[in-house]
């Protein structure tokens, strides 16, 4: 299932306009906060799909029957670019366990790149709902490789992918190369073009650099 949060008019469109705007992106704090806001909206929408149970709560004046999440999800992110989105998810799923995956593009001299995955820290995922954040779903290669490795920690009952901008090319790659039977993609917006170097157009640029500063290529 693919859900484009921009298909319905909401504050998501306002935040995305600032996230994409080159004249506003120079404000790193606002960029990170807007990314976190997208994560919070996605968390709220995903919460509607979870399983709930009744819990009796004692108030100062009596007892109340409340709906609470039956089992907390695991929220994970692809470092480093996904940290701001992850913060937004964690703001709402404040009782969740966390997973961190170091997956990045390792550029070759000929201009091509490979996906390097060097570090995974993850709790048991067997039967759990996994919410995985990565701000840019471009080629889809890093997401597919991440899923291949992370299921070694157990098979989740459902995987929710949260991204600010997705590209149709990357979505199609994930559909061809990953088991999407129990997967939902939540995208702030979806763009159609991908450059030869694997960047989304119009996209927003390099989310990791915009949030945390430029990095040296190795």
C-alpha atoms as a PDB file:
ATOM      1  CA  UNK A   1       0.000   0.000   0.000  1.00  0.00           C
ATOM      2  CA  UNK A   2       1.311   3.452  -0.940  1.00  0.00           C
ATOM      3  CA  UNK A   3      -0.037   6.519   0.858  1.00  0.00           C
ATOM      4  CA  UNK A   4       0.890   9.992  -0.433  1.00  0.00           C
ATOM      5  CA  UNK A   5       0.188  12.403   2.412  1.00  0.00           C
ATOM      6  CA  UNK A   6       0.153  15.335  -0.045  1.00  0.00           C
ATOM      7  CA  UNK A   7      -2.887  14.022  -1.892  1.00  0.00           C
ATOM      8  CA  UNK A   8      -5.032  15.568   0.838  1.00  0.00           C
ATOM      9  CA  UNK A   9      -4.617  19.249   1.703  1.00  0.00           C
ATOM     10  CA  UNK A  10      -3.093  19.580   5.162  1.00  0.00           C
ATOM     11  CA  UNK A  11      -0.201  21.156   7.034  1.00  0.00           C
ATOM     12  CA  UNK A  12       2.036  18.524   5.435  1.00  0.00           C
ATOM     13  CA  UNK A  13       2.011  20.606   2.255  1.00  0.00           C
ATOM     14  CA  UNK A  14       3.087  23.698   4.197  1.00  0.00           C
ATOM     15  CA  UNK A  15       5.990  21.898   5.832  1.00  0.00           C
ATOM     16  CA  UNK A  16       7.080  20.256   2.577  1.00  0.00           C
ATOM     17  CA  UNK A  17       7.140  23.628   0.831  1.00  0.00           C
ATOM     18  CA  UNK A  18       9.690  24.798   3.413  1.00  0.00           C
ATOM     19  CA  UNK A  19      11.645  21.536   3.298  1.00  0.00           C
ATOM     20  CA  UNK A  20      11.992  21.864  -0.495  1.00  0.00           C
ATOM     21  CA  UNK A  21      12.609  25.643  -0.609  1.00  0.00           C
ATOM     22  CA  UNK A  22      16.322  26.324  -1.182  1.00  0.00           C
ATOM     23  CA  UNK A  23      16.005  29.763   0.433  1.00  0.00           C
ATOM     24  CA  UNK A  24      14.626  28.252   3.656  1.00  0.00           C
ATOM     25  CA  UNK A  25      16.742  25.069   3.755  1.00  0.00           C
ATOM     26  CA  UNK A  26      19.716  27.061   5.060  1.00  0.00           C
ATOM     27  CA  UNK A  27      17.930  27.182   8.421  1.00  0.00           C
ATOM     28  CA  UNK A  28      18.967  23.734   9.649  1.00  0.00           C
ATOM     29  CA  UNK A  29      16.855  23.908  12.779  1.00  0.00           C
ATOM     30  CA  UNK A  30      13.696  24.588  10.776  1.00  0.00           C
ATOM     31  CA  UNK A  31      14.607  21.841   8.292  1.00  0.00           C
ATOM     32  CA  UNK A  32      15.031  19.282  11.082  1.00  0.00           C
ATOM     33  CA  UNK A  33      11.867  20.430  12.855  1.00  0.00           C
ATOM     34  CA  UNK A  34       9.793  20.167   9.686  1.00  0.00           C
ATOM     35  CA  UNK A  35      11.164  16.668   9.108  1.00  0.00           C
ATOM     36  CA  UNK A  36      10.224  15.774  12.676  1.00  0.00           C
ATOM     37  CA  UNK A  37       6.726  17.172  12.080  1.00  0.00           C
ATOM     38  CA  UNK A  38       6.317  14.849   9.099  1.00  0.00           C
ATOM     39  CA  UNK A  39       7.377  11.981  11.349  1.00  0.00           C
ATOM     40  CA  UNK A  40       4.783  13.002  13.918  1.00  0.00           C
ATOM     41  CA  UNK A  41       1.986  13.107  11.322  1.00  0.00           C
ATOM     42  CA  UNK A  42       3.051   9.705   9.990  1.00  0.00           C
ATOM     43  CA  UNK A  43       3.135   8.316  13.539  1.00  0.00           C
ATOM     44  CA  UNK A  44      -0.407   9.519  14.171  1.00  0.00           C
ATOM     45  CA  UNK A  45      -1.688   8.003  10.919  1.00  0.00           C
ATOM     46  CA  UNK A  46       0.145   4.715  11.526  1.00  0.00           C
ATOM     47  CA  UNK A  47      -1.265   4.564  15.066  1.00  0.00           C
ATOM     48  CA  UNK A  48      -4.734   4.157  13.542  1.00  0.00           C
ATOM     49  CA  UNK A  49      -3.640   0.842  11.982  1.00  0.00           C
ATOM     50  CA  UNK A  50      -2.336  -0.763  15.194  1.00  0.00           C
ATOM     51  CA  UNK A  51      -4.114  -3.190  17.498  1.00  0.00           C
ATOM     52  CA  UNK A  52      -5.638  -1.777  20.686  1.00  0.00           C
ATOM     53  CA  UNK A  53      -6.848  -3.168  24.000  1.00  0.00           C
ATOM     54  CA  UNK A  54      -9.043  -1.853  26.803  1.00  0.00           C
ATOM     55  CA  UNK A  55      -7.339  -0.600  29.927  1.00  0.00           C
ATOM     56  CA  UNK A  56      -9.136   0.509  33.066  1.00  0.00           C
ATOM     57  CA  UNK A  57      -7.615   3.703  34.437  1.00  0.00           C
ATOM     58  CA  UNK A  58      -8.381   5.122  37.861  1.00  0.00           C
ATOM     59  CA  UNK A  59      -9.079   8.850  37.862  1.00  0.00           C
ATOM     60  CA  UNK A  60      -9.456  11.058  40.968  1.00  0.00           C
ATOM     61  CA  UNK A  61     -13.245  10.658  40.594  1.00  0.00           C
ATOM     62  CA  UNK A  62     -13.687   7.106  39.369  1.00  0.00           C
ATOM     63  CA  UNK A  63     -12.544   4.660  36.698  1.00  0.00           C
ATOM     64  CA  UNK A  64     -12.399   5.052  32.930  1.00  0.00           C
ATOM     65  CA  UNK A  65     -12.061   2.472  30.165  1.00  0.00           C
ATOM     66  CA  UNK A  66      -9.363   3.601  27.720  1.00  0.00           C
ATOM     67  CA  UNK A  67      -8.022   2.264  24.426  1.00  0.00           C
ATOM     68  CA  UNK A  68      -4.265   1.689  24.535  1.00  0.00           C
ATOM     69  CA  UNK A  69      -1.836   0.146  22.058  1.00  0.00           C
ATOM     70  CA  UNK A  70      -1.717  -3.587  22.676  1.00  0.00           C
ATOM     71  CA  UNK A  71       1.923  -3.974  21.636  1.00  0.00           C
ATOM     72  CA  UNK A  72       4.349  -1.147  20.979  1.00  0.00           C
ATOM     73  CA  UNK A  73       5.984  -0.984  17.547  1.00  0.00           C
ATOM     74  CA  UNK A  74       9.719  -0.877  16.882  1.00  0.00           C
ATOM     75  CA  UNK A  75      10.834   2.348  15.237  1.00  0.00           C
ATOM     76  CA  UNK A  76      14.011   2.310  13.207  1.00  0.00           C
ATOM     77  CA  UNK A  77      15.948   4.697  11.024  1.00  0.00           C
ATOM     78  CA  UNK A  78      18.651   4.697   8.397  1.00  0.00           C
ATOM     79  CA  UNK A  79      21.558   6.806   9.670  1.00  0.00           C
ATOM     80  CA  UNK A  80      22.261   9.653   9.497  1.00  0.00           C
ATOM     81  CA  UNK A  81      19.666  11.308   7.280  1.00  0.00           C
ATOM     82  CA  UNK A  82      16.698   9.636   8.947  1.00  0.00           C
ATOM     83  CA  UNK A  83      17.362  10.945  12.456  1.00  0.00           C
ATOM     84  CA  UNK A  84      15.032  13.960  12.250  1.00  0.00           C
ATOM     85  CA  UNK A  85      12.134  11.852  10.945  1.00  0.00           C
ATOM     86  CA  UNK A  86      12.944   9.288  13.629  1.00  0.00           C
ATOM     87  CA  UNK A  87      12.701  11.988  16.296  1.00  0.00           C
ATOM     88  CA  UNK A  88       9.172  12.818  15.152  1.00  0.00           C
ATOM     89  CA  UNK A  89       8.130   9.174  15.300  1.00  0.00           C
ATOM     90  CA  UNK A  90       9.716   8.810  18.744  1.00  0.00           C
ATOM     91  CA  UNK A  91       7.842  11.879  20.005  1.00  0.00           C
ATOM     92  CA  UNK A  92       4.576   9.989  19.498  1.00  0.00           C
ATOM     93  CA  UNK A  93       5.655   6.358  19.988  1.00  0.00           C
ATOM     94  CA  UNK A  94       7.504   7.272  23.171  1.00  0.00           C
ATOM     95  CA  UNK A  95       7.360   3.725  24.600  1.00  0.00           C
ATOM     96  CA  UNK A  96       8.711   1.992  21.491  1.00  0.00           C
ATOM     97  CA  UNK A  97      11.987   0.122  21.120  1.00  0.00           C
ATOM     98  CA  UNK A  98      14.457   1.515  18.582  1.00  0.00           C
ATOM     99  CA  UNK A  99      16.581   0.194  15.720  1.00  0.00           C
ATOM    100  CA  UNK A 100      19.436   1.971  13.919  1.00  0.00           C
ATOM    101  CA  UNK A 101      20.908   1.026  10.559  1.00  0.00           C
ATOM    102  CA  UNK A 102      24.007   2.518   8.943  1.00  0.00           C
ATOM    103  CA  UNK A 103      23.347   2.284   5.201  1.00  0.00           C
ATOM    104  CA  UNK A 104      24.889   4.771   2.807  1.00  0.00           C
ATOM    105  CA  UNK A 105      26.026   5.278  -0.768  1.00  0.00           C
ATOM    106  CA  UNK A 106      29.679   4.410  -1.297  1.00  0.00           C
ATOM    107  CA  UNK A 107      30.653   6.248  -4.478  1.00  0.00           C
ATOM    108  CA  UNK A 108      32.967   4.706  -7.054  1.00  0.00           C
ATOM    109  CA  UNK A 109      35.413   6.537  -9.314  1.00  0.00           C
ATOM    110  CA  UNK A 110      33.252   5.945 -12.379  1.00  0.00           C
ATOM    111  CA  UNK A 111      30.357   7.853 -10.815  1.00  0.00           C
ATOM    112  CA  UNK A 112      28.382   4.762  -9.814  1.00  0.00           C
ATOM    113  CA  UNK A 113      27.755   3.800  -6.210  1.00  0.00           C
ATOM    114  CA  UNK A 114      27.206   0.746  -4.041  1.00  0.00           C
ATOM    115  CA  UNK A 115      25.147   0.539  -0.878  1.00  0.00           C
ATOM    116  CA  UNK A 116      27.337  -0.033   2.149  1.00  0.00           C
ATOM    117  CA  UNK A 117      25.624  -1.386   5.265  1.00  0.00           C
ATOM    118  CA  UNK A 118      28.099  -1.548   8.124  1.00  0.00           C
ATOM    119  CA  UNK A 119      26.105  -1.400  11.358  1.00  0.00           C
ATOM    120  CA  UNK A 120      22.732  -2.592  12.658  1.00  0.00           C
ATOM    121  CA  UNK A 121      21.460  -2.215  16.221  1.00  0.00           C
ATOM    122  CA  UNK A 122      18.047  -3.796  16.561  1.00  0.00           C
ATOM    123  CA  UNK A 123      15.745  -5.489  19.103  1.00  0.00           C
ATOM    124  CA  UNK A 124      13.828  -8.699  18.396  1.00  0.00           C
ATOM    125  CA  UNK A 125      11.430  -8.040  15.496  1.00  0.00           C
ATOM    126  CA  UNK A 126       9.570 -11.358  15.413  1.00  0.00           C
ATOM    127  CA  UNK A 127       5.868 -10.611  15.046  1.00  0.00           C
ATOM    128  CA  UNK A 128       6.385  -6.895  15.739  1.00  0.00           C
ATOM    129  CA  UNK A 129       5.270  -3.862  13.759  1.00  0.00           C
ATOM    130  CA  UNK A 130       8.368  -2.127  12.376  1.00  0.00           C
ATOM    131  CA  UNK A 131       8.306   1.557  11.404  1.00  0.00           C
ATOM    132  CA  UNK A 132      11.383   2.429   9.336  1.00  0.00           C
ATOM    133  CA  UNK A 133      12.227   6.042   8.458  1.00  0.00           C
ATOM    134  CA  UNK A 134      14.389   7.308   5.616  1.00  0.00           C
ATOM    135  CA  UNK A 135      13.722  10.823   4.278  1.00  0.00           C
ATOM    136  CA  UNK A 136      14.484  10.072   0.614  1.00  0.00           C
ATOM    137  CA  UNK A 137      13.352   6.949  -1.252  1.00  0.00           C
ATOM    138  CA  UNK A 138      15.330   7.507  -4.463  1.00  0.00           C
ATOM    139  CA  UNK A 139      16.653   4.362  -6.170  1.00  0.00           C
ATOM    140  CA  UNK A 140      15.265   2.106  -3.437  1.00  0.00           C
ATOM    141  CA  UNK A 141      18.534   0.160  -3.215  1.00  0.00           C
ATOM    142  CA  UNK A 142      19.408   1.158   0.358  1.00  0.00           C
ATOM    143  CA  UNK A 143      15.889   0.378   1.573  1.00  0.00           C
ATOM    144  CA  UNK A 144      15.866  -3.087  -0.005  1.00  0.00           C
ATOM    145  CA  UNK A 145      19.293  -3.906   1.418  1.00  0.00           C
ATOM    146  CA  UNK A 146      18.235  -2.639   4.839  1.00  0.00           C
ATOM    147  CA  UNK A 147      15.143  -4.843   4.853  1.00  0.00           C
ATOM    148  CA  UNK A 148      17.210  -7.858   3.765  1.00  0.00           C
ATOM    149  CA  UNK A 149      19.495  -7.416   6.775  1.00  0.00           C
ATOM    150  CA  UNK A 150      16.997  -6.324   9.386  1.00  0.00           C
ATOM    151  CA  UNK A 151      14.765  -9.397   9.023  1.00  0.00           C
ATOM    152  CA  UNK A 152      17.658 -11.406  10.439  1.00  0.00           C
ATOM    153  CA  UNK A 153      16.414 -10.057  13.785  1.00  0.00           C
ATOM    154  CA  UNK A 154      12.977 -11.614  13.230  1.00  0.00           C
ATOM    155  CA  UNK A 155      10.145 -11.327  10.728  1.00  0.00           C
ATOM    156  CA  UNK A 156       7.953  -8.298  11.445  1.00  0.00           C
ATOM    157  CA  UNK A 157       4.196  -8.678  11.167  1.00  0.00           C
ATOM    158  CA  UNK A 158       4.119  -5.435   9.172  1.00  0.00           C
ATOM    159  CA  UNK A 159       6.665  -2.880   7.962  1.00  0.00           C
ATOM    160  CA  UNK A 160       5.748   0.799   7.627  1.00  0.00           C
ATOM    161  CA  UNK A 161       8.186   2.882   5.564  1.00  0.00           C
ATOM    162  CA  UNK A 162       8.122   6.617   6.333  1.00  0.00           C
ATOM    163  CA  UNK A 163       9.767   8.996   3.870  1.00  0.00           C
ATOM    164  CA  UNK A 164       9.561  12.710   3.129  1.00  0.00           C
ATOM    165  CA  UNK A 165       9.974  12.352  -0.650  1.00  0.00           C
ATOM    166  CA  UNK A 166       9.717   9.134  -2.653  1.00  0.00           C
ATOM    167  CA  UNK A 167      10.442   8.605  -6.344  1.00  0.00           C
ATOM    168  CA  UNK A 168       8.312   6.336  -8.500  1.00  0.00           C
ATOM    169  CA  UNK A 169      11.513   4.639  -9.751  1.00  0.00           C
ATOM    170  CA  UNK A 170      12.497   3.715  -6.194  1.00  0.00           C
ATOM    171  CA  UNK A 171       8.987   2.577  -5.325  1.00  0.00           C
ATOM    172  CA  UNK A 172       8.959   0.259  -8.331  1.00  0.00           C
ATOM    173  CA  UNK A 173      12.412  -1.099  -7.385  1.00  0.00           C
ATOM    174  CA  UNK A 174      11.192  -1.919  -3.878  1.00  0.00           C
ATOM    175  CA  UNK A 175       8.075  -3.585  -5.280  1.00  0.00           C
ATOM    176  CA  UNK A 176      10.246  -5.799  -7.533  1.00  0.00           C
ATOM    177  CA  UNK A 177      12.911  -6.699  -4.994  1.00  0.00           C
ATOM    178  CA  UNK A 178      11.287  -6.810  -1.545  1.00  0.00           C
ATOM    179  CA  UNK A 179       8.396  -8.725  -0.050  1.00  0.00           C
ATOM    180  CA  UNK A 180       5.777  -5.981   0.038  1.00  0.00           C
ATOM    181  CA  UNK A 181       2.830  -8.170   1.076  1.00  0.00           C
ATOM    182  CA  UNK A 182       2.906  -6.712   4.590  1.00  0.00           C
ATOM    183  CA  UNK A 183       4.429  -3.320   3.834  1.00  0.00           C
ATOM    184  CA  UNK A 184       2.994   0.196   3.722  1.00  0.00           C
ATOM    185  CA  UNK A 185       4.781   3.265   2.355  1.00  0.00           C
ATOM    186  CA  UNK A 186       3.912   6.646   3.856  1.00  0.00           C
ATOM    187  CA  UNK A 187       5.356   9.441   1.722  1.00  0.00           C
ATOM    188  CA  UNK A 188       5.160  13.162   2.291  1.00  0.00           C
ATOM    189  CA  UNK A 189       5.076  13.456  -1.499  1.00  0.00           C
ATOM    190  CA  UNK A 190       6.030  11.438  -4.582  1.00  0.00           C
ATOM    191  CA  UNK A 191       8.167  12.752  -7.465  1.00  0.00           C
ATOM    192  CA  UNK A 192       8.612  11.053 -10.834  1.00  0.00           C
ATOM    193  CA  UNK A 193      12.138  11.917 -11.994  1.00  0.00           C
ATOM    194  CA  UNK A 194      15.494  10.473 -10.959  1.00  0.00           C
ATOM    195  CA  UNK A 195      18.849  11.764 -12.234  1.00  0.00           C
ATOM    196  CA  UNK A 196      21.626   9.528 -13.564  1.00  0.00           C
ATOM    197  CA  UNK A 197      23.379   9.938 -10.195  1.00  0.00           C
ATOM    198  CA  UNK A 198      20.282   8.748  -8.320  1.00  0.00           C
ATOM    199  CA  UNK A 199      18.906  12.038  -7.008  1.00  0.00           C
ATOM    200  CA  UNK A 200      15.185  12.823  -6.952  1.00  0.00           C
ATOM    201  CA  UNK A 201      13.932  15.735  -9.087  1.00  0.00           C
ATOM    202  CA  UNK A 202      12.612  18.149  -7.948  1.00  0.00           C
ATOM    203  CA  UNK A 203      13.226  16.460  -4.593  1.00  0.00           C
ATOM    204  CA  UNK A 204      14.929  18.607  -1.990  1.00  0.00           C
ATOM    205  CA  UNK A 205      18.662  17.875  -2.241  1.00  0.00           C
ATOM    206  CA  UNK A 206      20.693  15.857   0.268  1.00  0.00           C
ATOM    207  CA  UNK A 207      18.550  15.520   3.400  1.00  0.00           C
ATOM    208  CA  UNK A 208      21.468  14.454   5.591  1.00  0.00           C
ATOM    209  CA  UNK A 209      23.620  17.431   4.587  1.00  0.00           C
ATOM    210  CA  UNK A 210      20.721  19.866   5.000  1.00  0.00           C
ATOM    211  CA  UNK A 211      19.971  18.555   8.488  1.00  0.00           C
ATOM    212  CA  UNK A 212      23.490  18.050   9.826  1.00  0.00           C
ATOM    213  CA  UNK A 213      26.030  19.668   7.479  1.00  0.00           C
ATOM    214  CA  UNK A 214      28.078  18.510   4.513  1.00  0.00           C
ATOM    215  CA  UNK A 215      30.329  15.475   4.759  1.00  0.00           C
ATOM    216  CA  UNK A 216      33.567  14.392   3.133  1.00  0.00           C
ATOM    217  CA  UNK A 217      33.251  11.661   0.504  1.00  0.00           C
ATOM    218  CA  UNK A 218      35.507   8.643   1.000  1.00  0.00           C
END
